[in-house]
């Protein structure tokens, strides 16, 4: 039989790592986004239009990545709660 405490600890670690990753990534992306918005006010011409299109794709992909990560974090939270309940000393599930 599997040791659910080991699984619980692994899920907690994974959740914490994923949370930190998303916090750092979001902060870095916000900084990059601010720089892009400052650049777009002074950058003109065909190259600027191509860059704008590329930025739009990057922005959409980033937001999708963050959204999917949040779904994973919520799923991990649910599993962690279920394992915590299963590991109660009484051994009874809610």
C-alpha atoms as a PDB file:
ATOM      1  CA  UNK A   1       0.000   0.000   0.000  1.00  0.00           C
ATOM      2  CA  UNK A   2       1.212   3.496  -0.845  1.00  0.00           C
ATOM      3  CA  UNK A   3       2.367   5.840   1.892  1.00  0.00           C
ATOM      4  CA  UNK A   4      -0.062   8.722   1.493  1.00  0.00           C
ATOM      5  CA  UNK A   5       2.066  10.947   3.737  1.00  0.00           C
ATOM      6  CA  UNK A   6       4.892  10.819   1.195  1.00  0.00           C
ATOM      7  CA  UNK A   7       2.442  11.643  -1.573  1.00  0.00           C
ATOM      8  CA  UNK A   8       0.981  14.474   0.508  1.00  0.00           C
ATOM      9  CA  UNK A   9       4.422  15.955   1.135  1.00  0.00           C
ATOM     10  CA  UNK A  10       5.277  15.678  -2.551  1.00  0.00           C
ATOM     11  CA  UNK A  11       2.061  17.415  -3.559  1.00  0.00           C
ATOM     12  CA  UNK A  12       2.665  20.179  -1.020  1.00  0.00           C
ATOM     13  CA  UNK A  13       6.187  20.699  -2.355  1.00  0.00           C
ATOM     14  CA  UNK A  14       4.969  20.708  -5.952  1.00  0.00           C
ATOM     15  CA  UNK A  15       2.199  23.190  -5.116  1.00  0.00           C
ATOM     16  CA  UNK A  16       4.644  25.500  -3.318  1.00  0.00           C
ATOM     17  CA  UNK A  17       7.118  25.337  -6.198  1.00  0.00           C
ATOM     18  CA  UNK A  18       4.430  25.972  -8.797  1.00  0.00           C
ATOM     19  CA  UNK A  19       3.062  28.887  -6.769  1.00  0.00           C
ATOM     20  CA  UNK A  20       6.514  30.495  -6.477  1.00  0.00           C
ATOM     21  CA  UNK A  21       7.155  29.916 -10.183  1.00  0.00           C
ATOM     22  CA  UNK A  22       3.918  31.638 -11.144  1.00  0.00           C
ATOM     23  CA  UNK A  23       4.527  34.548  -8.776  1.00  0.00           C
ATOM     24  CA  UNK A  24       8.010  35.183 -10.154  1.00  0.00           C
ATOM     25  CA  UNK A  25       6.932  34.663 -13.754  1.00  0.00           C
ATOM     26  CA  UNK A  26       3.954  36.991 -13.384  1.00  0.00           C
ATOM     27  CA  UNK A  27       6.087  39.725 -11.810  1.00  0.00           C
ATOM     28  CA  UNK A  28       8.712  39.420 -14.536  1.00  0.00           C
ATOM     29  CA  UNK A  29       6.086  39.424 -17.250  1.00  0.00           C
ATOM     30  CA  UNK A  30       4.420  42.513 -15.782  1.00  0.00           C
ATOM     31  CA  UNK A  31       7.766  44.300 -15.949  1.00  0.00           C
ATOM     32  CA  UNK A  32       8.236  43.200 -19.554  1.00  0.00           C
ATOM     33  CA  UNK A  33       4.685  44.262 -20.419  1.00  0.00           C
ATOM     34  CA  UNK A  34       5.307  47.745 -19.019  1.00  0.00           C
ATOM     35  CA  UNK A  35       8.437  48.054 -21.139  1.00  0.00           C
ATOM     36  CA  UNK A  36       6.530  46.940 -24.223  1.00  0.00           C
ATOM     37  CA  UNK A  37       3.831  49.549 -23.629  1.00  0.00           C
ATOM     38  CA  UNK A  38       6.476  52.260 -23.266  1.00  0.00           C
ATOM     39  CA  UNK A  39       8.182  51.065 -26.459  1.00  0.00           C
ATOM     40  CA  UNK A  40       5.043  50.905 -28.556  1.00  0.00           C
ATOM     41  CA  UNK A  41       4.454  54.644 -28.080  1.00  0.00           C
ATOM     42  CA  UNK A  42       7.775  55.490 -29.759  1.00  0.00           C
ATOM     43  CA  UNK A  43       8.299  52.519 -32.114  1.00  0.00           C
ATOM     44  CA  UNK A  44       6.783  53.017 -35.574  1.00  0.00           C
ATOM     45  CA  UNK A  45       6.769  51.519 -39.037  1.00  0.00           C
ATOM     46  CA  UNK A  46       6.520  48.041 -40.517  1.00  0.00           C
ATOM     47  CA  UNK A  47       8.858  46.514 -37.949  1.00  0.00           C
ATOM     48  CA  UNK A  48       6.720  47.947 -35.158  1.00  0.00           C
ATOM     49  CA  UNK A  49       3.605  46.359 -36.674  1.00  0.00           C
ATOM     50  CA  UNK A  50       5.321  42.970 -36.938  1.00  0.00           C
ATOM     51  CA  UNK A  51       6.564  43.271 -33.379  1.00  0.00           C
ATOM     52  CA  UNK A  52       3.065  44.211 -32.216  1.00  0.00           C
ATOM     53  CA  UNK A  53       1.624  41.078 -33.837  1.00  0.00           C
ATOM     54  CA  UNK A  54       4.310  38.924 -32.259  1.00  0.00           C
ATOM     55  CA  UNK A  55       3.697  40.538 -28.897  1.00  0.00           C
ATOM     56  CA  UNK A  56      -0.003  39.790 -29.188  1.00  0.00           C
ATOM     57  CA  UNK A  57       0.733  36.085 -29.674  1.00  0.00           C
ATOM     58  CA  UNK A  58       3.207  36.087 -26.803  1.00  0.00           C
ATOM     59  CA  UNK A  59       0.715  37.783 -24.522  1.00  0.00           C
ATOM     60  CA  UNK A  60      -2.046  35.307 -25.408  1.00  0.00           C
ATOM     61  CA  UNK A  61       0.271  32.333 -24.874  1.00  0.00           C
ATOM     62  CA  UNK A  62       1.480  33.692 -21.546  1.00  0.00           C
ATOM     63  CA  UNK A  63      -2.045  34.259 -20.272  1.00  0.00           C
ATOM     64  CA  UNK A  64      -3.033  30.747 -21.325  1.00  0.00           C
ATOM     65  CA  UNK A  65       0.001  29.302 -19.529  1.00  0.00           C
ATOM     66  CA  UNK A  66      -0.821  31.192 -16.331  1.00  0.00           C
ATOM     67  CA  UNK A  67      -4.468  30.161 -16.540  1.00  0.00           C
ATOM     68  CA  UNK A  68      -3.621  26.498 -16.953  1.00  0.00           C
ATOM     69  CA  UNK A  69      -1.164  26.706 -14.089  1.00  0.00           C
ATOM     70  CA  UNK A  70      -3.877  28.121 -11.865  1.00  0.00           C
ATOM     71  CA  UNK A  71      -6.119  25.189 -12.776  1.00  0.00           C
ATOM     72  CA  UNK A  72      -3.330  22.793 -11.787  1.00  0.00           C
ATOM     73  CA  UNK A  73      -2.783  24.642  -8.504  1.00  0.00           C
ATOM     74  CA  UNK A  74      -6.501  24.413  -7.639  1.00  0.00           C
ATOM     75  CA  UNK A  75      -6.475  20.692  -8.453  1.00  0.00           C
ATOM     76  CA  UNK A  76      -3.421  20.215  -6.245  1.00  0.00           C
ATOM     77  CA  UNK A  77      -5.134  22.093  -3.418  1.00  0.00           C
ATOM     78  CA  UNK A  78      -8.141  19.759  -3.667  1.00  0.00           C
ATOM     79  CA  UNK A  79      -5.932  16.670  -3.628  1.00  0.00           C
ATOM     80  CA  UNK A  80      -3.893  17.998  -0.721  1.00  0.00           C
ATOM     81  CA  UNK A  81      -7.055  18.647   1.284  1.00  0.00           C
ATOM     82  CA  UNK A  82      -8.335  15.136   0.525  1.00  0.00           C
ATOM     83  CA  UNK A  83      -5.054  13.528   1.579  1.00  0.00           C
ATOM     84  CA  UNK A  84      -4.913  15.636   4.733  1.00  0.00           C
ATOM     85  CA  UNK A  85      -8.380  14.384   5.610  1.00  0.00           C
ATOM     86  CA  UNK A  86      -7.357  10.786   4.870  1.00  0.00           C
ATOM     87  CA  UNK A  87      -4.329  11.129   7.129  1.00  0.00           C
ATOM     88  CA  UNK A  88      -6.308  12.334  10.153  1.00  0.00           C
ATOM     89  CA  UNK A  89      -5.537  10.296  13.279  1.00  0.00           C
ATOM     90  CA  UNK A  90      -9.118   9.045  13.454  1.00  0.00           C
ATOM     91  CA  UNK A  91      -8.696   7.592   9.971  1.00  0.00           C
ATOM     92  CA  UNK A  92     -12.175   8.714   9.058  1.00  0.00           C
ATOM     93  CA  UNK A  93     -12.897  10.530   5.841  1.00  0.00           C
ATOM     94  CA  UNK A  94     -15.243  13.506   6.011  1.00  0.00           C
END
